[in-house]
Amino acid sequence: MINIILADDHHIIRTSLKALIEKHEGIKVVAEVSDSLAVLELLEKGIKADIILSDIVMPGLDGIGLASTIKERRYDIKVVVLSILDDEKYASNAFTSGAFAYLSKDIEEDELLFCLKHVMKGKRYLSSNLCISILERFNTQLNMLSQKTNTEINFSEREINVLKLIADGLTNQEIADKLYLSRRTVESQREALISKTGTKNSASLVRFAMRNGYVA
């Protein structure tokens, strides 16, 4: 049995959540309150529950503050934050404060139930729509960084040729023989490439070149 305390300052939302949760076998709402302080009072009185399903925005102590207080006082109960704020900053703050999950209020019923069972196993959970949003933003930033890198570094034809041969694993002497250069020139070219790309050594230079499409 999963015993839950509901904390939300909107009576209609609490009632709706309770009805939604309790129609599923093995889940029970043992208390419903309108603010975080009321939750703490219940815990001080010894109420037994597994999860606090809390709104993030409430008068007085908010949901993140509640999670932090629960963590500080070492109560054996897990906080799941419900929020209309689809922003990773709030999610990050919630997890740092001790919350086990951060869910959007428009979450589907199946995902909510999955989250509650997941949290009961001691695991953390972030709502899928926010996960996708973070991944999309991260991917956009990576593409922008890659484009920025490509436009800022202008390699000469010789540098590109040397870079490709370094990536093929050739030694300085082998590169020199292949390009009809002196070994000293190739050594200088390798060092110049490392400096130009801001990498640390030949291995990281090759990774940089592959990641940014200079070599296949």
C-alpha atoms as a PDB file:
ATOM      1  CA  MET A   1       0.000   0.000   0.000  1.00  0.00           C
ATOM      2  CA  ILE A   2       1.271   3.489  -0.919  1.00  0.00           C
ATOM      3  CA  ASN A   3       0.037   6.040   1.619  1.00  0.00           C
ATOM      4  CA  ILE A   4      -0.027   9.624   0.383  1.00  0.00           C
ATOM      5  CA  ILE A   5      -0.412  13.093   1.893  1.00  0.00           C
ATOM      6  CA  LEU A   6      -1.813  15.642  -0.560  1.00  0.00           C
ATOM      7  CA  ALA A   7      -0.704  19.266  -0.167  1.00  0.00           C
ATOM      8  CA  ASP A   8      -2.301  21.887  -2.407  1.00  0.00           C
ATOM      9  CA  ASP A   9      -3.975  25.180  -1.586  1.00  0.00           C
ATOM     10  CA  HIS A  10      -6.702  24.563  -4.179  1.00  0.00           C
ATOM     11  CA  HIS A  11      -9.493  22.391  -2.794  1.00  0.00           C
ATOM     12  CA  ILE A  12     -10.737  21.335  -6.242  1.00  0.00           C
ATOM     13  CA  ILE A  13      -7.288  20.107  -7.273  1.00  0.00           C
ATOM     14  CA  ARG A  14      -6.895  18.139  -4.025  1.00  0.00           C
ATOM     15  CA  THR A  15     -10.288  16.552  -4.485  1.00  0.00           C
ATOM     16  CA  SER A  16      -9.567  15.662  -8.113  1.00  0.00           C
ATOM     17  CA  LEU A  17      -6.162  14.191  -7.274  1.00  0.00           C
ATOM     18  CA  LYS A  18      -7.601  12.146  -4.429  1.00  0.00           C
ATOM     19  CA  ALA A  19     -10.338  10.727  -6.657  1.00  0.00           C
ATOM     20  CA  LEU A  20      -7.850   9.924  -9.404  1.00  0.00           C
ATOM     21  CA  ILE A  21      -5.354   8.254  -7.063  1.00  0.00           C
ATOM     22  CA  GLU A  22      -7.728   6.244  -4.918  1.00  0.00           C
ATOM     23  CA  LYS A  23      -9.474   4.558  -7.804  1.00  0.00           C
ATOM     24  CA  HIS A  24      -6.288   2.515  -8.153  1.00  0.00           C
ATOM     25  CA  GLU A  25      -5.790  -0.422  -5.846  1.00  0.00           C
ATOM     26  CA  GLY A  26      -2.851  -0.169  -3.472  1.00  0.00           C
ATOM     27  CA  ILE A  27      -2.804   3.636  -3.200  1.00  0.00           C
ATOM     28  CA  LYS A  28      -4.494   5.609  -0.442  1.00  0.00           C
ATOM     29  CA  VAL A  29      -4.653   9.298   0.497  1.00  0.00           C
ATOM     30  CA  VAL A  30      -4.247   9.387   4.287  1.00  0.00           C
ATOM     31  CA  ALA A  31      -4.478  13.178   4.576  1.00  0.00           C
ATOM     32  CA  GLU A  32      -5.038  16.285   2.464  1.00  0.00           C
ATOM     33  CA  VAL A  33      -3.959  19.777   3.523  1.00  0.00           C
ATOM     34  CA  SER A  34      -3.735  23.255   2.031  1.00  0.00           C
ATOM     35  CA  ASP A  35      -0.153  24.199   2.867  1.00  0.00           C
ATOM     36  CA  SER A  36       3.289  22.901   3.813  1.00  0.00           C
ATOM     37  CA  LEU A  37       3.096  23.906   7.457  1.00  0.00           C
ATOM     38  CA  ALA A  38       0.043  21.680   7.869  1.00  0.00           C
ATOM     39  CA  VAL A  39       2.080  18.804   6.410  1.00  0.00           C
ATOM     40  CA  LEU A  40       4.839  19.378   8.957  1.00  0.00           C
ATOM     41  CA  GLU A  41       2.292  19.464  11.781  1.00  0.00           C
ATOM     42  CA  LEU A  42       0.929  16.090  10.653  1.00  0.00           C
ATOM     43  CA  LEU A  43       4.434  14.618  10.594  1.00  0.00           C
ATOM     44  CA  GLU A  44       5.175  15.986  14.068  1.00  0.00           C
ATOM     45  CA  LYS A  45       2.009  14.302  15.314  1.00  0.00           C
ATOM     46  CA  GLY A  46       3.278  10.998  13.949  1.00  0.00           C
ATOM     47  CA  ILE A  47       1.110  10.420  10.880  1.00  0.00           C
ATOM     48  CA  LYS A  48       2.411   7.559   8.776  1.00  0.00           C
ATOM     49  CA  ALA A  49       2.763   8.088   5.021  1.00  0.00           C
ATOM     50  CA  ASP A  50       5.132   7.134   2.222  1.00  0.00           C
ATOM     51  CA  ILE A  51       4.838  10.088  -0.148  1.00  0.00           C
ATOM     52  CA  ILE A  52       3.881  13.753   0.048  1.00  0.00           C
ATOM     53  CA  LEU A  53       2.369  14.880  -3.252  1.00  0.00           C
ATOM     54  CA  SER A  54       2.840  18.634  -3.028  1.00  0.00           C
ATOM     55  CA  ASP A  55       2.099  21.657  -5.170  1.00  0.00           C
ATOM     56  CA  ILE A  56       5.162  23.827  -5.773  1.00  0.00           C
ATOM     57  CA  VAL A  57       3.354  27.157  -5.220  1.00  0.00           C
ATOM     58  CA  MET A  58       1.620  27.473  -1.851  1.00  0.00           C
ATOM     59  CA  PRO A  59       1.270  30.281   0.689  1.00  0.00           C
ATOM     60  CA  GLY A  60       4.083  30.434   3.236  1.00  0.00           C
ATOM     61  CA  LEU A  61       6.454  27.530   2.677  1.00  0.00           C
ATOM     62  CA  ASP A  62       6.396  26.344  -0.955  1.00  0.00           C
ATOM     63  CA  GLY A  63       6.840  22.789  -2.220  1.00  0.00           C
ATOM     64  CA  ILE A  64      10.610  23.119  -2.650  1.00  0.00           C
ATOM     65  CA  GLY A  65      10.917  24.568   0.853  1.00  0.00           C
ATOM     66  CA  LEU A  66       8.869  21.654   2.160  1.00  0.00           C
ATOM     67  CA  ALA A  67      11.206  19.158   0.496  1.00  0.00           C
ATOM     68  CA  SER A  68      14.194  20.941   2.021  1.00  0.00           C
ATOM     69  CA  THR A  69      12.647  20.902   5.502  1.00  0.00           C
ATOM     70  CA  ILE A  70      11.740  17.208   5.204  1.00  0.00           C
ATOM     71  CA  LYS A  71      15.346  16.495   4.261  1.00  0.00           C
ATOM     72  CA  GLU A  72      16.775  18.588   7.128  1.00  0.00           C
ATOM     73  CA  ARG A  73      14.534  16.953   9.720  1.00  0.00           C
ATOM     74  CA  ARG A  74      15.223  13.498   8.277  1.00  0.00           C
ATOM     75  CA  TYR A  75      11.609  12.412   8.058  1.00  0.00           C
ATOM     76  CA  ASP A  76      11.233   9.016   6.422  1.00  0.00           C
ATOM     77  CA  ILE A  77       8.929  10.242   3.680  1.00  0.00           C
ATOM     78  CA  LYS A  78       9.447  11.154   0.030  1.00  0.00           C
ATOM     79  CA  VAL A  79       8.326  14.415  -1.578  1.00  0.00           C
ATOM     80  CA  VAL A  80       6.902  14.505  -5.107  1.00  0.00           C
ATOM     81  CA  VAL A  81       6.478  18.056  -6.428  1.00  0.00           C
ATOM     82  CA  LEU A  82       3.629  18.955  -8.766  1.00  0.00           C
ATOM     83  CA  SER A  83       4.157  22.140 -10.742  1.00  0.00           C
ATOM     84  CA  ILE A  84       2.777  24.322 -13.516  1.00  0.00           C
ATOM     85  CA  LEU A  85       6.339  25.657 -13.958  1.00  0.00           C
ATOM     86  CA  ASP A  86       7.939  23.688 -16.818  1.00  0.00           C
ATOM     87  CA  ASP A  87      11.422  25.027 -16.176  1.00  0.00           C
ATOM     88  CA  GLU A  88      14.479  22.904 -15.404  1.00  0.00           C
ATOM     89  CA  LYS A  89      15.655  25.542 -12.922  1.00  0.00           C
ATOM     90  CA  TYR A  90      12.751  24.740 -10.597  1.00  0.00           C
ATOM     91  CA  ALA A  91      13.179  21.010 -11.169  1.00  0.00           C
ATOM     92  CA  SER A  92      16.873  21.265 -10.334  1.00  0.00           C
ATOM     93  CA  ASN A  93      16.104  23.241  -7.176  1.00  0.00           C
ATOM     94  CA  ALA A  94      13.511  20.657  -6.165  1.00  0.00           C
ATOM     95  CA  PHE A  95      15.897  17.719  -6.534  1.00  0.00           C
ATOM     96  CA  THR A  96      18.713  19.581  -4.791  1.00  0.00           C
ATOM     97  CA  SER A  97      16.332  20.319  -1.925  1.00  0.00           C
ATOM     98  CA  GLY A  98      15.535  16.640  -1.500  1.00  0.00           C
ATOM     99  CA  ALA A  99      12.475  16.005  -3.674  1.00  0.00           C
ATOM    100  CA  PHE A 100      12.258  12.579  -5.291  1.00  0.00           C
ATOM    101  CA  ALA A 101      10.210  13.681  -8.290  1.00  0.00           C
ATOM    102  CA  TYR A 102       9.182  16.775 -10.225  1.00  0.00           C
ATOM    103  CA  LEU A 103       5.994  16.517 -12.268  1.00  0.00           C
ATOM    104  CA  SER A 104       4.080  18.878 -14.527  1.00  0.00           C
ATOM    105  CA  LYS A 105       0.464  19.390 -13.505  1.00  0.00           C
ATOM    106  CA  ASP A 106      -0.668  18.357 -16.979  1.00  0.00           C
ATOM    107  CA  ILE A 107       0.879  14.911 -16.487  1.00  0.00           C
ATOM    108  CA  GLU A 108      -1.119  11.918 -17.701  1.00  0.00           C
ATOM    109  CA  GLU A 109      -2.638   9.549 -15.150  1.00  0.00           C
ATOM    110  CA  ASP A 110      -0.480   6.595 -16.222  1.00  0.00           C
ATOM    111  CA  GLU A 111       2.725   8.584 -15.814  1.00  0.00           C
ATOM    112  CA  LEU A 112       1.668   9.816 -12.379  1.00  0.00           C
ATOM    113  CA  LEU A 113       1.069   6.245 -11.214  1.00  0.00           C
ATOM    114  CA  PHE A 114       4.361   5.115 -12.713  1.00  0.00           C
ATOM    115  CA  CYS A 115       6.144   7.941 -10.902  1.00  0.00           C
ATOM    116  CA  LEU A 116       4.623   7.087  -7.513  1.00  0.00           C
ATOM    117  CA  LYS A 117       5.651   3.438  -7.842  1.00  0.00           C
ATOM    118  CA  HIS A 118       9.105   4.470  -9.084  1.00  0.00           C
ATOM    119  CA  VAL A 119       9.609   6.788  -6.104  1.00  0.00           C
ATOM    120  CA  MET A 120       8.515   4.039  -3.718  1.00  0.00           C
ATOM    121  CA  LYS A 121      11.546   2.082  -4.919  1.00  0.00           C
ATOM    122  CA  GLY A 122      13.763   4.955  -3.776  1.00  0.00           C
ATOM    123  CA  LYS A 123      14.351   6.281  -7.294  1.00  0.00           C
ATOM    124  CA  ARG A 124      13.946   9.798  -8.658  1.00  0.00           C
ATOM    125  CA  TYR A 125      11.722  10.867 -11.529  1.00  0.00           C
ATOM    126  CA  LEU A 126      11.356  13.873 -13.834  1.00  0.00           C
ATOM    127  CA  SER A 127       8.228  14.230 -15.964  1.00  0.00           C
ATOM    128  CA  SER A 128       8.724  13.105 -19.568  1.00  0.00           C
ATOM    129  CA  ASN A 129       7.660  16.365 -21.225  1.00  0.00           C
ATOM    130  CA  LEU A 130      10.252  18.318 -19.238  1.00  0.00           C
ATOM    131  CA  CYS A 131      12.916  15.691 -20.021  1.00  0.00           C
ATOM    132  CA  ILE A 132      12.196  16.067 -23.737  1.00  0.00           C
ATOM    133  CA  SER A 133      12.294  19.871 -23.449  1.00  0.00           C
ATOM    134  CA  ILE A 134      15.707  19.729 -21.750  1.00  0.00           C
ATOM    135  CA  LEU A 135      17.084  17.308 -24.359  1.00  0.00           C
ATOM    136  CA  GLU A 136      15.805  19.464 -27.222  1.00  0.00           C
ATOM    137  CA  ARG A 137      17.394  22.584 -25.724  1.00  0.00           C
ATOM    138  CA  PHE A 138      20.646  20.723 -25.071  1.00  0.00           C
ATOM    139  CA  ASN A 139      20.714  19.448 -28.655  1.00  0.00           C
ATOM    140  CA  THR A 140      20.130  22.973 -29.972  1.00  0.00           C
ATOM    141  CA  GLN A 141      22.985  24.303 -27.844  1.00  0.00           C
ATOM    142  CA  LEU A 142      25.306  21.534 -29.080  1.00  0.00           C
ATOM    143  CA  ASN A 143      24.450  22.364 -32.702  1.00  0.00           C
ATOM    144  CA  MET A 144      25.017  26.059 -32.097  1.00  0.00           C
ATOM    145  CA  LEU A 145      28.355  25.313 -30.402  1.00  0.00           C
ATOM    146  CA  SER A 146      29.403  23.080 -33.280  1.00  0.00           C
ATOM    147  CA  GLN A 147      28.462  25.745 -35.846  1.00  0.00           C
ATOM    148  CA  LYS A 148      30.262  28.405 -33.842  1.00  0.00           C
ATOM    149  CA  THR A 149      33.383  26.240 -33.624  1.00  0.00           C
ATOM    150  CA  ASN A 150      33.332  25.493 -37.326  1.00  0.00           C
ATOM    151  CA  THR A 151      33.038  29.144 -38.318  1.00  0.00           C
ATOM    152  CA  GLU A 152      35.690  30.383 -35.896  1.00  0.00           C
ATOM    153  CA  ILE A 153      38.430  27.911 -36.869  1.00  0.00           C
ATOM    154  CA  ASN A 154      39.701  28.256 -40.408  1.00  0.00           C
ATOM    155  CA  PHE A 155      42.096  25.461 -41.293  1.00  0.00           C
ATOM    156  CA  SER A 156      44.436  25.695 -44.248  1.00  0.00           C
ATOM    157  CA  GLU A 157      44.507  22.884 -46.802  1.00  0.00           C
ATOM    158  CA  ARG A 158      47.800  21.619 -45.350  1.00  0.00           C
ATOM    159  CA  GLU A 159      46.346  21.643 -41.807  1.00  0.00           C
ATOM    160  CA  ILE A 160      43.353  19.619 -42.936  1.00  0.00           C
ATOM    161  CA  ASN A 161      45.618  17.104 -44.684  1.00  0.00           C
ATOM    162  CA  VAL A 162      47.796  16.737 -41.582  1.00  0.00           C
ATOM    163  CA  LEU A 163      44.720  16.483 -39.368  1.00  0.00           C
ATOM    164  CA  LYS A 164      43.271  13.653 -41.445  1.00  0.00           C
ATOM    165  CA  LEU A 165      46.526  11.713 -41.356  1.00  0.00           C
ATOM    166  CA  ILE A 166      46.836  12.207 -37.584  1.00  0.00           C
ATOM    167  CA  ALA A 167      43.315  10.796 -37.286  1.00  0.00           C
ATOM    168  CA  ASP A 168      44.433   7.813 -39.385  1.00  0.00           C
ATOM    169  CA  GLY A 169      47.071   7.114 -36.736  1.00  0.00           C
ATOM    170  CA  LEU A 170      50.157   7.960 -38.780  1.00  0.00           C
ATOM    171  CA  THR A 171      53.370   9.002 -37.045  1.00  0.00           C
ATOM    172  CA  ASN A 172      55.061  12.335 -37.703  1.00  0.00           C
ATOM    173  CA  GLN A 173      57.590  10.647 -39.985  1.00  0.00           C
ATOM    174  CA  GLU A 174      54.885   8.797 -41.928  1.00  0.00           C
ATOM    175  CA  ILE A 175      52.932  12.018 -42.394  1.00  0.00           C
ATOM    176  CA  ALA A 176      56.100  13.808 -43.496  1.00  0.00           C
ATOM    177  CA  ASP A 177      56.839  11.122 -46.097  1.00  0.00           C
ATOM    178  CA  LYS A 178      53.269  11.158 -47.390  1.00  0.00           C
ATOM    179  CA  LEU A 179      53.044  14.945 -47.734  1.00  0.00           C
ATOM    180  CA  TYR A 180      56.675  15.497 -48.784  1.00  0.00           C
ATOM    181  CA  LEU A 181      57.407  17.594 -45.706  1.00  0.00           C
ATOM    182  CA  SER A 182      60.135  17.485 -43.107  1.00  0.00           C
ATOM    183  CA  ARG A 183      59.429  15.681 -39.856  1.00  0.00           C
ATOM    184  CA  ARG A 184      60.112  18.927 -37.976  1.00  0.00           C
ATOM    185  CA  THR A 185      57.455  20.710 -40.056  1.00  0.00           C
ATOM    186  CA  VAL A 186      54.895  18.015 -39.256  1.00  0.00           C
ATOM    187  CA  GLU A 187      55.745  18.185 -35.546  1.00  0.00           C
ATOM    188  CA  SER A 188      55.234  21.954 -35.616  1.00  0.00           C
ATOM    189  CA  GLN A 189      51.988  21.511 -37.560  1.00  0.00           C
ATOM    190  CA  ARG A 190      50.678  19.002 -35.002  1.00  0.00           C
ATOM    191  CA  GLU A 191      51.453  21.339 -32.111  1.00  0.00           C
ATOM    192  CA  ALA A 192      49.858  24.244 -33.974  1.00  0.00           C
ATOM    193  CA  LEU A 193      46.663  22.225 -34.522  1.00  0.00           C
ATOM    194  CA  ILE A 194      46.481  21.303 -30.844  1.00  0.00           C
ATOM    195  CA  SER A 195      46.945  24.956 -29.893  1.00  0.00           C
ATOM    196  CA  LYS A 196      44.456  26.217 -32.504  1.00  0.00           C
ATOM    197  CA  THR A 197      41.695  23.855 -31.389  1.00  0.00           C
ATOM    198  CA  GLY A 198      42.333  24.283 -27.669  1.00  0.00           C
ATOM    199  CA  THR A 199      42.810  20.544 -27.216  1.00  0.00           C
ATOM    200  CA  LYS A 200      45.369  18.914 -24.913  1.00  0.00           C
ATOM    201  CA  ASN A 201      47.011  16.215 -27.012  1.00  0.00           C
ATOM    202  CA  SER A 202      46.751  14.269 -30.260  1.00  0.00           C
ATOM    203  CA  ALA A 203      43.982  12.001 -28.944  1.00  0.00           C
ATOM    204  CA  SER A 204      41.750  14.921 -27.925  1.00  0.00           C
ATOM    205  CA  LEU A 205      42.620  16.651 -31.225  1.00  0.00           C
ATOM    206  CA  VAL A 206      41.289  13.646 -33.140  1.00  0.00           C
ATOM    207  CA  ARG A 207      38.116  13.559 -31.010  1.00  0.00           C
ATOM    208  CA  PHE A 208      37.595  17.261 -31.699  1.00  0.00           C
ATOM    209  CA  ALA A 209      38.079  16.754 -35.433  1.00  0.00           C
ATOM    210  CA  MET A 210      35.632  13.839 -35.566  1.00  0.00           C
ATOM    211  CA  ARG A 211      33.028  15.553 -33.382  1.00  0.00           C
ATOM    212  CA  ASN A 212      33.066  18.668 -35.550  1.00  0.00           C
ATOM    213  CA  GLY A 213      33.110  16.895 -38.900  1.00  0.00           C
ATOM    214  CA  TYR A 214      36.659  17.661 -40.034  1.00  0.00           C
ATOM    215  CA  VAL A 215      37.417  13.968 -40.397  1.00  0.00           C
ATOM    216  CA  ALA A 216      35.099  11.011 -40.881  1.00  0.00           C
END
